[in-house]
Amino acid sequence: MARIIVIPPSGGAQQAYALDARVVTVGRAPANQIVLQDRAASRKHCMLKRTGEAYTLVDVGSASGTVLNGSRLTDEVELTDGDKIKIGQTVLAFKED
């Protein structure tokens, strides 16, 4: 099963989240499956969607944007093992088992 590892900017403890739902939302709001403690993150910033065995990343109109492997996300992109997603100062690492 794929997972997201959240690496906080403060160097605090990393957190792992299993991607066990078809859609996983990411942002500052408590209603998200992955809640970020980063002021630059929008309340609902982006989402990860599962289609079959593939996972895609979609920015949902965030104010500060979503960066994937150093490039600002402009469209829905399929994720591969080791991809790095940056939201504000927080990094999310995509891992496939």
N, C-alpha and C. Protein backbone atom coordinates (compact mmCIF):
# COMPACT_ATOMS: atom_id res chain seq x y z
N MET A 1 0.85 -1.19 0.00
CA MET A 1 0.00 0.00 0.00
C MET A 1 0.89 1.24 0.00
N ALA A 2 0.46 2.25 -0.72
CA ALA A 2 1.22 3.51 -0.78
C ALA A 2 0.98 4.32 0.49
N ARG A 3 1.93 5.21 0.77
CA ARG A 3 1.80 6.07 1.94
C ARG A 3 2.47 7.41 1.68
N ILE A 4 2.11 8.36 2.51
CA ILE A 4 2.71 9.69 2.49
C ILE A 4 3.44 9.87 3.82
N ILE A 5 4.68 10.32 3.74
CA ILE A 5 5.46 10.65 4.93
C ILE A 5 5.51 12.18 4.99
N VAL A 6 5.00 12.77 6.07
CA VAL A 6 5.01 14.22 6.25
C VAL A 6 6.27 14.60 7.03
N ILE A 7 7.09 15.46 6.40
CA ILE A 7 8.34 15.92 7.00
C ILE A 7 8.16 17.39 7.35
N PRO A 8 7.95 17.71 8.64
CA PRO A 8 7.69 19.10 9.03
C PRO A 8 8.94 19.97 8.88
N PRO A 9 8.74 21.27 8.63
CA PRO A 9 9.88 22.16 8.43
C PRO A 9 10.72 22.36 9.68
N SER A 10 10.14 22.18 10.84
CA SER A 10 10.85 22.42 12.10
C SER A 10 11.79 21.29 12.47
N GLY A 11 11.79 20.23 11.66
CA GLY A 11 12.62 19.08 11.98
C GLY A 11 11.99 18.19 13.04
N GLY A 12 10.70 18.40 13.30
CA GLY A 12 9.99 17.58 14.28
C GLY A 12 9.78 16.17 13.78
N ALA A 13 9.01 15.42 14.51
CA ALA A 13 8.75 14.02 14.18
C ALA A 13 7.99 13.90 12.87
N GLN A 14 8.44 12.97 12.04
CA GLN A 14 7.75 12.68 10.79
C GLN A 14 6.52 11.83 11.08
N GLN A 15 5.50 11.98 10.23
CA GLN A 15 4.28 11.19 10.38
C GLN A 15 4.01 10.46 9.07
N ALA A 16 3.57 9.21 9.17
CA ALA A 16 3.24 8.41 8.00
C ALA A 16 1.73 8.23 7.92
N TYR A 17 1.19 8.35 6.71
CA TYR A 17 -0.24 8.17 6.47
C TYR A 17 -0.42 7.15 5.34
N ALA A 18 -1.16 6.09 5.61
CA ALA A 18 -1.49 5.11 4.58
C ALA A 18 -2.52 5.71 3.64
N LEU A 19 -2.32 5.51 2.35
CA LEU A 19 -3.29 6.00 1.37
C LEU A 19 -4.28 4.88 1.09
N ASP A 20 -5.23 4.72 2.02
CA ASP A 20 -6.16 3.61 1.94
C ASP A 20 -7.56 4.02 1.48
N ALA A 21 -7.72 5.28 1.10
CA ALA A 21 -9.00 5.77 0.55
C ALA A 21 -8.79 6.14 -0.92
N ARG A 22 -9.87 6.21 -1.67
CA ARG A 22 -9.77 6.59 -3.09
C ARG A 22 -9.33 8.03 -3.25
N VAL A 23 -9.73 8.90 -2.33
CA VAL A 23 -9.34 10.31 -2.35
C VAL A 23 -8.87 10.70 -0.94
N VAL A 24 -7.69 11.30 -0.87
CA VAL A 24 -7.14 11.79 0.40
C VAL A 24 -6.87 13.28 0.22
N THR A 25 -7.48 14.10 1.09
CA THR A 25 -7.27 15.54 1.00
C THR A 25 -6.17 15.97 1.97
N VAL A 26 -5.48 17.05 1.57
CA VAL A 26 -4.35 17.56 2.34
C VAL A 26 -4.53 19.06 2.53
N GLY A 27 -4.34 19.56 3.74
CA GLY A 27 -4.44 21.00 3.98
C GLY A 27 -4.43 21.30 5.47
N ARG A 28 -4.69 22.57 5.78
CA ARG A 28 -4.68 23.03 7.18
C ARG A 28 -5.95 22.68 7.95
N ALA A 29 -7.08 22.57 7.27
CA ALA A 29 -8.36 22.35 7.95
C ALA A 29 -8.43 20.96 8.58
N PRO A 30 -9.04 20.87 9.76
CA PRO A 30 -9.16 19.58 10.45
C PRO A 30 -9.96 18.53 9.68
N ALA A 31 -10.75 18.93 8.70
CA ALA A 31 -11.55 17.98 7.93
C ALA A 31 -10.72 17.17 6.94
N ASN A 32 -9.48 17.56 6.70
CA ASN A 32 -8.61 16.81 5.77
C ASN A 32 -8.12 15.52 6.41
N GLN A 33 -7.81 14.53 5.57
CA GLN A 33 -7.24 13.29 6.08
C GLN A 33 -5.79 13.51 6.52
N ILE A 34 -5.08 14.41 5.82
CA ILE A 34 -3.72 14.78 6.23
C ILE A 34 -3.75 16.26 6.55
N VAL A 35 -3.61 16.57 7.84
CA VAL A 35 -3.68 17.96 8.31
C VAL A 35 -2.26 18.49 8.50
N LEU A 36 -1.97 19.63 7.86
CA LEU A 36 -0.65 20.24 7.95
C LEU A 36 -0.66 21.43 8.90
N GLN A 37 0.39 21.54 9.68
CA GLN A 37 0.57 22.68 10.58
C GLN A 37 1.53 23.66 9.91
N ASP A 38 1.14 24.18 8.76
CA ASP A 38 1.98 25.08 7.96
C ASP A 38 1.12 26.24 7.50
N ARG A 39 1.47 27.45 7.91
CA ARG A 39 0.65 28.64 7.58
C ARG A 39 0.52 28.87 6.08
N ALA A 40 1.47 28.40 5.29
CA ALA A 40 1.41 28.59 3.84
C ALA A 40 0.46 27.60 3.16
N ALA A 41 0.02 26.59 3.88
CA ALA A 41 -0.93 25.62 3.31
C ALA A 41 -2.33 26.21 3.35
N SER A 42 -3.08 25.98 2.28
CA SER A 42 -4.49 26.39 2.26
C SER A 42 -5.30 25.43 3.11
N ARG A 43 -6.52 25.84 3.45
CA ARG A 43 -7.37 24.96 4.26
C ARG A 43 -7.55 23.62 3.56
N LYS A 44 -7.88 23.65 2.28
CA LYS A 44 -7.89 22.44 1.45
C LYS A 44 -6.92 22.73 0.32
N HIS A 45 -5.75 22.15 0.38
CA HIS A 45 -4.65 22.52 -0.49
C HIS A 45 -4.56 21.64 -1.75
N CYS A 46 -4.54 20.34 -1.54
CA CYS A 46 -4.43 19.42 -2.67
C CYS A 46 -5.08 18.10 -2.30
N MET A 47 -5.15 17.21 -3.29
CA MET A 47 -5.68 15.88 -2.99
C MET A 47 -4.90 14.83 -3.77
N LEU A 48 -4.89 13.65 -3.20
CA LEU A 48 -4.27 12.48 -3.80
C LEU A 48 -5.41 11.54 -4.18
N LYS A 49 -5.43 11.14 -5.45
CA LYS A 49 -6.51 10.27 -5.93
C LYS A 49 -5.93 8.93 -6.39
N ARG A 50 -6.62 7.86 -6.03
CA ARG A 50 -6.21 6.53 -6.45
C ARG A 50 -7.13 6.06 -7.57
N THR A 51 -6.51 5.62 -8.66
CA THR A 51 -7.24 5.02 -9.77
C THR A 51 -6.55 3.69 -10.07
N GLY A 52 -7.19 2.59 -9.69
CA GLY A 52 -6.54 1.29 -9.83
C GLY A 52 -5.34 1.24 -8.90
N GLU A 53 -4.15 1.03 -9.45
CA GLU A 53 -2.92 0.98 -8.66
C GLU A 53 -2.16 2.30 -8.69
N ALA A 54 -2.63 3.26 -9.47
CA ALA A 54 -1.93 4.55 -9.62
C ALA A 54 -2.50 5.61 -8.68
N TYR A 55 -1.64 6.53 -8.29
CA TYR A 55 -2.03 7.68 -7.47
C TYR A 55 -1.68 8.95 -8.22
N THR A 56 -2.61 9.91 -8.21
CA THR A 56 -2.34 11.19 -8.85
C THR A 56 -2.46 12.30 -7.82
N LEU A 57 -1.75 13.40 -8.08
CA LEU A 57 -1.74 14.58 -7.22
C LEU A 57 -2.42 15.71 -7.96
N VAL A 58 -3.34 16.41 -7.28
CA VAL A 58 -4.08 17.51 -7.88
C VAL A 58 -4.08 18.69 -6.90
N ASP A 59 -3.65 19.87 -7.34
CA ASP A 59 -3.79 21.08 -6.54
C ASP A 59 -5.24 21.53 -6.71
N VAL A 60 -5.90 21.88 -5.62
CA VAL A 60 -7.32 22.25 -5.69
C VAL A 60 -7.52 23.75 -5.54
N GLY A 61 -6.65 24.52 -6.20
CA GLY A 61 -6.80 25.97 -6.19
C GLY A 61 -6.17 26.64 -4.98
N SER A 62 -5.11 26.04 -4.45
CA SER A 62 -4.44 26.62 -3.28
C SER A 62 -3.84 27.98 -3.61
N ALA A 63 -3.73 28.82 -2.60
CA ALA A 63 -3.18 30.17 -2.79
C ALA A 63 -1.69 30.15 -3.09
N SER A 64 -0.94 29.28 -2.41
CA SER A 64 0.52 29.29 -2.57
C SER A 64 1.04 28.23 -3.54
N GLY A 65 0.17 27.38 -4.03
CA GLY A 65 0.58 26.36 -5.01
C GLY A 65 1.18 25.12 -4.37
N THR A 66 1.33 24.10 -5.19
CA THR A 66 1.91 22.82 -4.78
C THR A 66 3.11 22.56 -5.68
N VAL A 67 4.22 22.15 -5.09
CA VAL A 67 5.44 21.89 -5.86
C VAL A 67 5.73 20.39 -5.81
N LEU A 68 5.98 19.81 -6.99
CA LEU A 68 6.30 18.39 -7.10
C LEU A 68 7.70 18.26 -7.68
N ASN A 69 8.61 17.70 -6.89
CA ASN A 69 10.00 17.51 -7.33
C ASN A 69 10.63 18.79 -7.88
N GLY A 70 10.33 19.92 -7.24
CA GLY A 70 10.94 21.19 -7.62
C GLY A 70 10.19 22.01 -8.65
N SER A 71 9.12 21.46 -9.23
CA SER A 71 8.34 22.18 -10.25
C SER A 71 6.92 22.43 -9.75
N ARG A 72 6.45 23.65 -9.98
CA ARG A 72 5.09 23.99 -9.55
C ARG A 72 4.08 23.17 -10.34
N LEU A 73 3.13 22.60 -9.64
CA LEU A 73 2.10 21.76 -10.24
C LEU A 73 1.10 22.61 -11.01
N THR A 74 0.88 22.28 -12.27
CA THR A 74 -0.09 23.01 -13.08
C THR A 74 -1.21 22.11 -13.57
N ASP A 75 -1.05 20.81 -13.42
CA ASP A 75 -2.05 19.86 -13.89
C ASP A 75 -1.99 18.63 -12.99
N GLU A 76 -2.93 17.74 -13.16
CA GLU A 76 -2.94 16.49 -12.41
C GLU A 76 -1.76 15.65 -12.87
N VAL A 77 -1.00 15.10 -11.90
CA VAL A 77 0.21 14.35 -12.23
C VAL A 77 0.21 13.01 -11.50
N GLU A 78 0.60 11.94 -12.20
CA GLU A 78 0.71 10.63 -11.57
C GLU A 78 1.99 10.59 -10.73
N LEU A 79 1.87 10.07 -9.52
CA LEU A 79 3.01 10.00 -8.61
C LEU A 79 3.78 8.70 -8.79
N THR A 80 5.09 8.78 -8.54
CA THR A 80 5.94 7.60 -8.54
C THR A 80 6.70 7.55 -7.22
N ASP A 81 7.15 6.36 -6.87
CA ASP A 81 7.84 6.16 -5.60
C ASP A 81 8.99 7.15 -5.44
N GLY A 82 9.05 7.81 -4.29
CA GLY A 82 10.12 8.75 -4.00
C GLY A 82 9.81 10.19 -4.34
N ASP A 83 8.68 10.46 -4.99
CA ASP A 83 8.32 11.85 -5.32
C ASP A 83 8.24 12.69 -4.06
N LYS A 84 8.63 13.95 -4.18
CA LYS A 84 8.58 14.90 -3.07
C LYS A 84 7.60 16.01 -3.40
N ILE A 85 6.63 16.19 -2.53
CA ILE A 85 5.60 17.23 -2.68
C ILE A 85 5.89 18.29 -1.63
N LYS A 86 5.98 19.55 -2.07
CA LYS A 86 6.24 20.64 -1.11
C LYS A 86 5.04 21.55 -1.05
N ILE A 87 4.56 21.75 0.17
CA ILE A 87 3.44 22.65 0.45
C ILE A 87 3.94 23.62 1.51
N GLY A 88 4.12 24.87 1.14
CA GLY A 88 4.73 25.83 2.05
C GLY A 88 6.14 25.36 2.37
N GLN A 89 6.43 25.16 3.65
CA GLN A 89 7.74 24.66 4.08
C GLN A 89 7.72 23.17 4.42
N THR A 90 6.55 22.54 4.25
CA THR A 90 6.39 21.13 4.59
C THR A 90 6.62 20.26 3.37
N VAL A 91 7.33 19.15 3.56
CA VAL A 91 7.58 18.20 2.47
C VAL A 91 6.81 16.92 2.75
N LEU A 92 6.17 16.40 1.71
CA LEU A 92 5.48 15.13 1.79
C LEU A 92 6.19 14.17 0.82
N ALA A 93 6.62 13.04 1.31
CA ALA A 93 7.29 12.06 0.48
C ALA A 93 6.29 10.95 0.14
N PHE A 94 6.19 10.61 -1.16
CA PHE A 94 5.30 9.54 -1.61
C PHE A 94 6.10 8.26 -1.66
N LYS A 95 5.60 7.23 -0.99
CA LYS A 95 6.28 5.92 -0.94
C LYS A 95 5.32 4.82 -1.36
N GLU A 96 5.80 3.96 -2.25
CA GLU A 96 5.03 2.77 -2.64
C GLU A 96 5.74 1.54 -2.13
N ASP A 97 4.98 0.61 -1.58
CA ASP A 97 5.58 -0.63 -1.06
C ASP A 97 5.61 -1.69 -2.13
